[in-house]
Amino acid sequence: MKLKDKIYALSGSLLFLINTFFVPVQADELDQIAMAMEQWQYNRLFNPSQADRKAEKNGDVIIYDGLTDVTVKQAIDENFDRMQNMMFTRTVVTDENGNPRIDPFTGEKVVEDDGCE
């Protein structure tokens, strides 16, 4: 990777750890942070600013974390020309109604195995 290339990671896990161990917050605040992060990623995917587009043109890659498979497919379909600037991790698998699948044993959302652990 060239020195000028950048990779930005939007990790819900990292955000959770920072807020859990360094800043005392309430559970509802974590939910608000998670929703804001998801909205930021969605806006960045579908309504990138001029600065975002310029960064992509310079080779920057954005790592989107925890979006649904439906959103990822839509992003790729609608923004195929920008695909080389996108990476998706922990993509949430949805059912036929678009709701996240829940693992019956853990109660957690089912995510695609992307090999990034």
N, C-alpha and C. Protein backbone atom coordinates (compact mmCIF):
# COMPACT_ATOMS: atom_id res chain seq x y z
N MET A 1 0.85 -1.17 0.00
CA MET A 1 0.00 0.00 0.00
C MET A 1 0.89 1.23 0.00
N LYS A 2 0.56 2.20 -0.80
CA LYS A 2 1.31 3.43 -0.87
C LYS A 2 1.09 4.25 0.40
N LEU A 3 2.08 5.04 0.74
CA LEU A 3 2.01 5.86 1.94
C LEU A 3 0.82 6.79 1.91
N LYS A 4 0.46 7.27 0.73
CA LYS A 4 -0.65 8.23 0.65
C LYS A 4 -2.02 7.56 0.81
N ASP A 5 -2.08 6.24 0.64
CA ASP A 5 -3.35 5.54 0.79
C ASP A 5 -3.71 5.46 2.27
N LYS A 6 -4.98 5.56 2.53
CA LYS A 6 -5.46 5.51 3.90
C LYS A 6 -6.60 4.52 3.99
N ILE A 7 -6.72 3.93 5.14
CA ILE A 7 -7.86 3.05 5.40
C ILE A 7 -8.52 3.54 6.68
N TYR A 8 -9.81 3.79 6.61
CA TYR A 8 -10.56 4.23 7.77
C TYR A 8 -11.46 3.08 8.23
N ALA A 9 -11.36 2.73 9.46
CA ALA A 9 -12.17 1.64 10.00
C ALA A 9 -13.27 2.20 10.87
N LEU A 10 -14.47 1.78 10.59
CA LEU A 10 -15.61 2.16 11.39
C LEU A 10 -16.04 0.94 12.17
N SER A 11 -15.47 0.76 13.31
CA SER A 11 -15.71 -0.47 14.05
C SER A 11 -16.62 -0.23 15.23
N GLY A 12 -17.78 -0.84 15.18
CA GLY A 12 -18.70 -0.77 16.30
C GLY A 12 -18.10 -1.38 17.55
N SER A 13 -17.31 -2.44 17.40
CA SER A 13 -16.67 -3.08 18.55
C SER A 13 -15.69 -2.14 19.23
N LEU A 14 -14.88 -1.46 18.43
CA LEU A 14 -13.91 -0.54 19.00
C LEU A 14 -14.62 0.60 19.72
N LEU A 15 -15.65 1.13 19.10
CA LEU A 15 -16.43 2.20 19.72
C LEU A 15 -17.02 1.73 21.04
N PHE A 16 -17.53 0.51 21.06
CA PHE A 16 -18.09 -0.05 22.28
C PHE A 16 -17.03 -0.16 23.37
N LEU A 17 -15.85 -0.68 23.02
CA LEU A 17 -14.78 -0.83 24.01
C LEU A 17 -14.33 0.51 24.57
N ILE A 18 -14.17 1.50 23.71
CA ILE A 18 -13.76 2.81 24.17
C ILE A 18 -14.79 3.37 25.15
N ASN A 19 -16.05 3.26 24.79
CA ASN A 19 -17.10 3.80 25.65
C ASN A 19 -17.27 2.98 26.92
N THR A 20 -17.01 1.69 26.87
CA THR A 20 -17.18 0.84 28.04
C THR A 20 -16.09 1.10 29.07
N PHE A 21 -14.86 1.23 28.62
CA PHE A 21 -13.74 1.29 29.54
C PHE A 21 -13.21 2.69 29.84
N PHE A 22 -13.51 3.66 29.00
CA PHE A 22 -12.93 4.97 29.20
C PHE A 22 -13.94 6.07 29.50
N VAL A 23 -15.18 5.87 29.13
CA VAL A 23 -16.19 6.89 29.36
C VAL A 23 -17.42 6.23 29.96
N PRO A 24 -17.80 6.61 31.16
CA PRO A 24 -19.00 6.01 31.74
C PRO A 24 -20.25 6.48 31.00
N VAL A 25 -21.00 5.55 30.44
CA VAL A 25 -22.21 5.90 29.70
C VAL A 25 -23.32 4.93 30.09
N GLN A 26 -24.52 5.35 29.85
CA GLN A 26 -25.69 4.52 30.08
C GLN A 26 -25.95 3.66 28.85
N ALA A 27 -26.67 2.56 29.02
CA ALA A 27 -26.97 1.66 27.90
C ALA A 27 -27.71 2.38 26.79
N ASP A 28 -28.64 3.26 27.14
CA ASP A 28 -29.38 3.98 26.09
C ASP A 28 -28.46 4.92 25.31
N GLU A 29 -27.40 5.42 25.95
CA GLU A 29 -26.43 6.25 25.24
C GLU A 29 -25.65 5.41 24.23
N LEU A 30 -25.32 4.17 24.59
CA LEU A 30 -24.64 3.27 23.65
C LEU A 30 -25.53 2.99 22.45
N ASP A 31 -26.82 2.82 22.69
CA ASP A 31 -27.75 2.61 21.58
C ASP A 31 -27.78 3.83 20.66
N GLN A 32 -27.78 5.02 21.24
CA GLN A 32 -27.78 6.24 20.44
C GLN A 32 -26.49 6.38 19.65
N ILE A 33 -25.37 6.02 20.26
CA ILE A 33 -24.09 6.07 19.56
C ILE A 33 -24.08 5.09 18.41
N ALA A 34 -24.57 3.87 18.65
CA ALA A 34 -24.62 2.85 17.60
C ALA A 34 -25.52 3.30 16.45
N MET A 35 -26.66 3.90 16.78
CA MET A 35 -27.57 4.37 15.72
C MET A 35 -26.92 5.51 14.93
N ALA A 36 -26.22 6.41 15.61
CA ALA A 36 -25.56 7.51 14.92
C ALA A 36 -24.45 6.98 14.02
N MET A 37 -23.72 5.98 14.49
CA MET A 37 -22.65 5.38 13.70
C MET A 37 -23.22 4.70 12.45
N GLU A 38 -24.32 3.97 12.62
CA GLU A 38 -24.95 3.31 11.48
C GLU A 38 -25.45 4.34 10.48
N GLN A 39 -26.04 5.43 10.98
CA GLN A 39 -26.54 6.48 10.09
C GLN A 39 -25.38 7.15 9.36
N TRP A 40 -24.25 7.37 10.04
CA TRP A 40 -23.09 7.97 9.42
C TRP A 40 -22.59 7.09 8.28
N GLN A 41 -22.52 5.78 8.54
CA GLN A 41 -22.06 4.86 7.50
C GLN A 41 -23.01 4.87 6.31
N TYR A 42 -24.31 4.85 6.58
CA TYR A 42 -25.31 4.86 5.52
C TYR A 42 -25.18 6.13 4.68
N ASN A 43 -25.06 7.28 5.35
CA ASN A 43 -24.90 8.54 4.62
C ASN A 43 -23.62 8.54 3.81
N ARG A 44 -22.54 8.02 4.37
CA ARG A 44 -21.25 7.99 3.69
C ARG A 44 -21.33 7.11 2.44
N LEU A 45 -22.10 6.03 2.52
CA LEU A 45 -22.27 5.13 1.37
C LEU A 45 -23.10 5.76 0.26
N PHE A 46 -24.23 6.33 0.62
CA PHE A 46 -25.22 6.73 -0.38
C PHE A 46 -25.23 8.23 -0.69
N ASN A 47 -24.66 9.04 0.18
CA ASN A 47 -24.63 10.49 -0.05
C ASN A 47 -23.25 11.05 0.32
N PRO A 48 -22.20 10.57 -0.34
CA PRO A 48 -20.86 11.04 0.04
C PRO A 48 -20.69 12.53 -0.28
N SER A 49 -19.98 13.20 0.61
CA SER A 49 -19.70 14.63 0.38
C SER A 49 -18.62 14.77 -0.70
N GLN A 50 -18.38 15.99 -1.11
CA GLN A 50 -17.32 16.23 -2.09
C GLN A 50 -15.97 15.81 -1.50
N ALA A 51 -15.78 16.07 -0.21
CA ALA A 51 -14.53 15.67 0.45
C ALA A 51 -14.39 14.15 0.47
N ASP A 52 -15.50 13.44 0.71
CA ASP A 52 -15.48 11.98 0.70
C ASP A 52 -15.08 11.47 -0.69
N ARG A 53 -15.69 12.05 -1.72
CA ARG A 53 -15.39 11.62 -3.09
C ARG A 53 -13.93 11.91 -3.45
N LYS A 54 -13.42 13.05 -3.00
CA LYS A 54 -12.03 13.40 -3.26
C LYS A 54 -11.09 12.40 -2.57
N ALA A 55 -11.42 12.03 -1.33
CA ALA A 55 -10.61 11.06 -0.60
C ALA A 55 -10.61 9.72 -1.32
N GLU A 56 -11.77 9.30 -1.83
CA GLU A 56 -11.85 8.05 -2.58
C GLU A 56 -11.02 8.14 -3.85
N LYS A 57 -11.09 9.26 -4.51
CA LYS A 57 -10.32 9.44 -5.74
C LYS A 57 -8.82 9.33 -5.47
N ASN A 58 -8.42 9.72 -4.25
CA ASN A 58 -7.02 9.62 -3.84
C ASN A 58 -6.65 8.22 -3.34
N GLY A 59 -7.61 7.29 -3.38
CA GLY A 59 -7.32 5.91 -3.02
C GLY A 59 -7.73 5.49 -1.62
N ASP A 60 -8.39 6.37 -0.87
CA ASP A 60 -8.82 6.00 0.47
C ASP A 60 -9.86 4.89 0.42
N VAL A 61 -9.80 4.00 1.39
CA VAL A 61 -10.76 2.91 1.53
C VAL A 61 -11.47 3.08 2.86
N ILE A 62 -12.79 2.96 2.84
CA ILE A 62 -13.59 3.04 4.05
C ILE A 62 -14.06 1.63 4.40
N ILE A 63 -13.88 1.25 5.66
CA ILE A 63 -14.34 -0.05 6.14
C ILE A 63 -15.65 0.18 6.88
N TYR A 64 -16.71 -0.39 6.33
CA TYR A 64 -18.05 -0.28 6.93
C TYR A 64 -18.30 -1.52 7.77
N ASP A 65 -18.77 -1.32 8.99
CA ASP A 65 -18.88 -2.41 9.94
C ASP A 65 -20.31 -2.58 10.43
N GLY A 66 -20.82 -3.82 10.34
CA GLY A 66 -22.10 -4.16 10.94
C GLY A 66 -23.33 -3.75 10.17
N LEU A 67 -23.20 -3.43 8.88
CA LEU A 67 -24.38 -3.11 8.08
C LEU A 67 -25.07 -4.40 7.65
N THR A 68 -26.32 -4.32 7.26
CA THR A 68 -27.04 -5.52 6.83
C THR A 68 -26.62 -5.92 5.41
N ASP A 69 -26.83 -7.19 5.10
CA ASP A 69 -26.51 -7.67 3.76
C ASP A 69 -27.34 -6.94 2.70
N VAL A 70 -28.55 -6.52 3.05
CA VAL A 70 -29.41 -5.78 2.13
C VAL A 70 -28.78 -4.43 1.80
N THR A 71 -28.26 -3.73 2.81
CA THR A 71 -27.62 -2.43 2.61
C THR A 71 -26.34 -2.58 1.79
N VAL A 72 -25.56 -3.62 2.07
CA VAL A 72 -24.32 -3.85 1.33
C VAL A 72 -24.62 -4.10 -0.14
N LYS A 73 -25.62 -4.94 -0.41
CA LYS A 73 -25.99 -5.23 -1.81
C LYS A 73 -26.45 -3.95 -2.51
N GLN A 74 -27.27 -3.16 -1.82
CA GLN A 74 -27.74 -1.90 -2.40
C GLN A 74 -26.56 -0.97 -2.69
N ALA A 75 -25.63 -0.88 -1.76
CA ALA A 75 -24.46 0.00 -1.95
C ALA A 75 -23.65 -0.42 -3.16
N ILE A 76 -23.43 -1.71 -3.31
CA ILE A 76 -22.65 -2.20 -4.44
C ILE A 76 -23.40 -2.00 -5.75
N ASP A 77 -24.71 -2.28 -5.74
CA ASP A 77 -25.51 -2.10 -6.95
C ASP A 77 -25.57 -0.64 -7.40
N GLU A 78 -25.73 0.28 -6.43
CA GLU A 78 -25.91 1.69 -6.77
C GLU A 78 -24.60 2.44 -6.94
N ASN A 79 -23.52 1.89 -6.41
CA ASN A 79 -22.24 2.60 -6.43
C ASN A 79 -21.11 1.71 -6.91
N PHE A 80 -21.37 0.96 -7.96
CA PHE A 80 -20.38 0.01 -8.46
C PHE A 80 -19.05 0.69 -8.77
N ASP A 81 -19.12 1.92 -9.25
CA ASP A 81 -17.90 2.67 -9.61
C ASP A 81 -17.05 3.04 -8.40
N ARG A 82 -17.62 2.94 -7.20
CA ARG A 82 -16.89 3.27 -5.98
C ARG A 82 -16.52 2.04 -5.17
N MET A 83 -16.81 0.87 -5.69
CA MET A 83 -16.65 -0.37 -4.93
C MET A 83 -15.21 -0.59 -4.45
N GLN A 84 -14.22 -0.17 -5.22
CA GLN A 84 -12.83 -0.38 -4.83
C GLN A 84 -12.47 0.43 -3.59
N ASN A 85 -13.33 1.36 -3.18
CA ASN A 85 -13.08 2.18 -2.01
C ASN A 85 -13.91 1.74 -0.81
N MET A 86 -14.54 0.57 -0.91
CA MET A 86 -15.40 0.07 0.16
C MET A 86 -14.93 -1.30 0.62
N MET A 87 -15.02 -1.50 1.92
CA MET A 87 -14.79 -2.83 2.50
C MET A 87 -15.86 -3.01 3.57
N PHE A 88 -16.44 -4.20 3.62
CA PHE A 88 -17.52 -4.46 4.56
C PHE A 88 -17.10 -5.59 5.50
N THR A 89 -17.28 -5.35 6.81
CA THR A 89 -16.97 -6.38 7.81
C THR A 89 -18.20 -6.60 8.68
N ARG A 90 -18.25 -7.77 9.28
CA ARG A 90 -19.35 -8.16 10.18
C ARG A 90 -20.71 -7.80 9.59
N THR A 91 -20.92 -8.15 8.32
CA THR A 91 -22.19 -7.88 7.64
C THR A 91 -23.28 -8.75 8.27
N VAL A 92 -24.36 -8.11 8.68
CA VAL A 92 -25.47 -8.79 9.35
C VAL A 92 -26.33 -9.50 8.31
N VAL A 93 -26.54 -10.79 8.52
CA VAL A 93 -27.37 -11.61 7.63
C VAL A 93 -28.83 -11.37 7.99
N THR A 94 -29.67 -11.15 6.97
CA THR A 94 -31.09 -10.90 7.22
C THR A 94 -31.95 -12.05 6.70
N ASP A 95 -33.18 -12.10 7.20
CA ASP A 95 -34.12 -13.10 6.73
C ASP A 95 -34.88 -12.56 5.52
N GLU A 96 -35.87 -13.30 5.07
CA GLU A 96 -36.62 -12.90 3.87
C GLU A 96 -37.40 -11.60 4.06
N ASN A 97 -37.63 -11.19 5.32
CA ASN A 97 -38.33 -9.93 5.60
C ASN A 97 -37.37 -8.76 5.82
N GLY A 98 -36.07 -9.03 5.73
CA GLY A 98 -35.09 -7.97 5.93
C GLY A 98 -34.70 -7.74 7.38
N ASN A 99 -35.18 -8.60 8.26
CA ASN A 99 -34.83 -8.50 9.68
C ASN A 99 -33.56 -9.30 9.96
N PRO A 100 -32.73 -8.84 10.89
CA PRO A 100 -31.52 -9.59 11.21
C PRO A 100 -31.85 -11.00 11.70
N ARG A 101 -31.10 -11.97 11.18
CA ARG A 101 -31.25 -13.34 11.69
C ARG A 101 -30.59 -13.41 13.06
N ILE A 102 -31.22 -14.14 13.95
CA ILE A 102 -30.71 -14.29 15.31
C ILE A 102 -30.28 -15.74 15.51
N ASP A 103 -29.06 -15.92 16.02
CA ASP A 103 -28.56 -17.26 16.32
C ASP A 103 -29.36 -17.80 17.50
N PRO A 104 -30.02 -18.97 17.33
CA PRO A 104 -30.88 -19.49 18.40
C PRO A 104 -30.10 -19.90 19.65
N PHE A 105 -28.81 -20.15 19.53
CA PHE A 105 -28.01 -20.58 20.67
C PHE A 105 -27.43 -19.41 21.46
N THR A 106 -27.01 -18.36 20.75
CA THR A 106 -26.37 -17.23 21.42
C THR A 106 -27.29 -16.04 21.60
N GLY A 107 -28.34 -15.96 20.78
CA GLY A 107 -29.22 -14.80 20.83
C GLY A 107 -28.63 -13.59 20.13
N GLU A 108 -27.46 -13.73 19.51
CA GLU A 108 -26.78 -12.64 18.80
C GLU A 108 -27.18 -12.62 17.34
N LYS A 109 -27.00 -11.46 16.71
CA LYS A 109 -27.24 -11.35 15.28
C LYS A 109 -26.22 -12.23 14.54
N VAL A 110 -26.68 -12.87 13.46
CA VAL A 110 -25.80 -13.69 12.62
C VAL A 110 -25.07 -12.76 11.67
N VAL A 111 -23.74 -12.89 11.63
CA VAL A 111 -22.95 -12.07 10.72
C VAL A 111 -22.17 -12.98 9.78
N GLU A 112 -21.88 -12.43 8.58
CA GLU A 112 -21.10 -13.19 7.61
C GLU A 112 -19.67 -13.35 8.13
N ASP A 113 -19.07 -14.48 7.86
CA ASP A 113 -17.69 -14.71 8.24
C ASP A 113 -16.80 -14.10 7.17
N ASP A 114 -16.22 -12.94 7.48
CA ASP A 114 -15.39 -12.25 6.50
C ASP A 114 -13.91 -12.50 6.71
N GLY A 115 -13.56 -13.32 7.71
CA GLY A 115 -12.17 -13.63 7.97
C GLY A 115 -11.41 -12.52 8.68
N CYS A 116 -12.10 -11.45 9.06
CA CYS A 116 -11.44 -10.33 9.77
C CYS A 116 -11.76 -10.42 11.25
N GLU A 117 -10.88 -11.04 11.99
CA GLU A 117 -11.12 -11.16 13.44
C GLU A 117 -9.99 -10.59 14.22
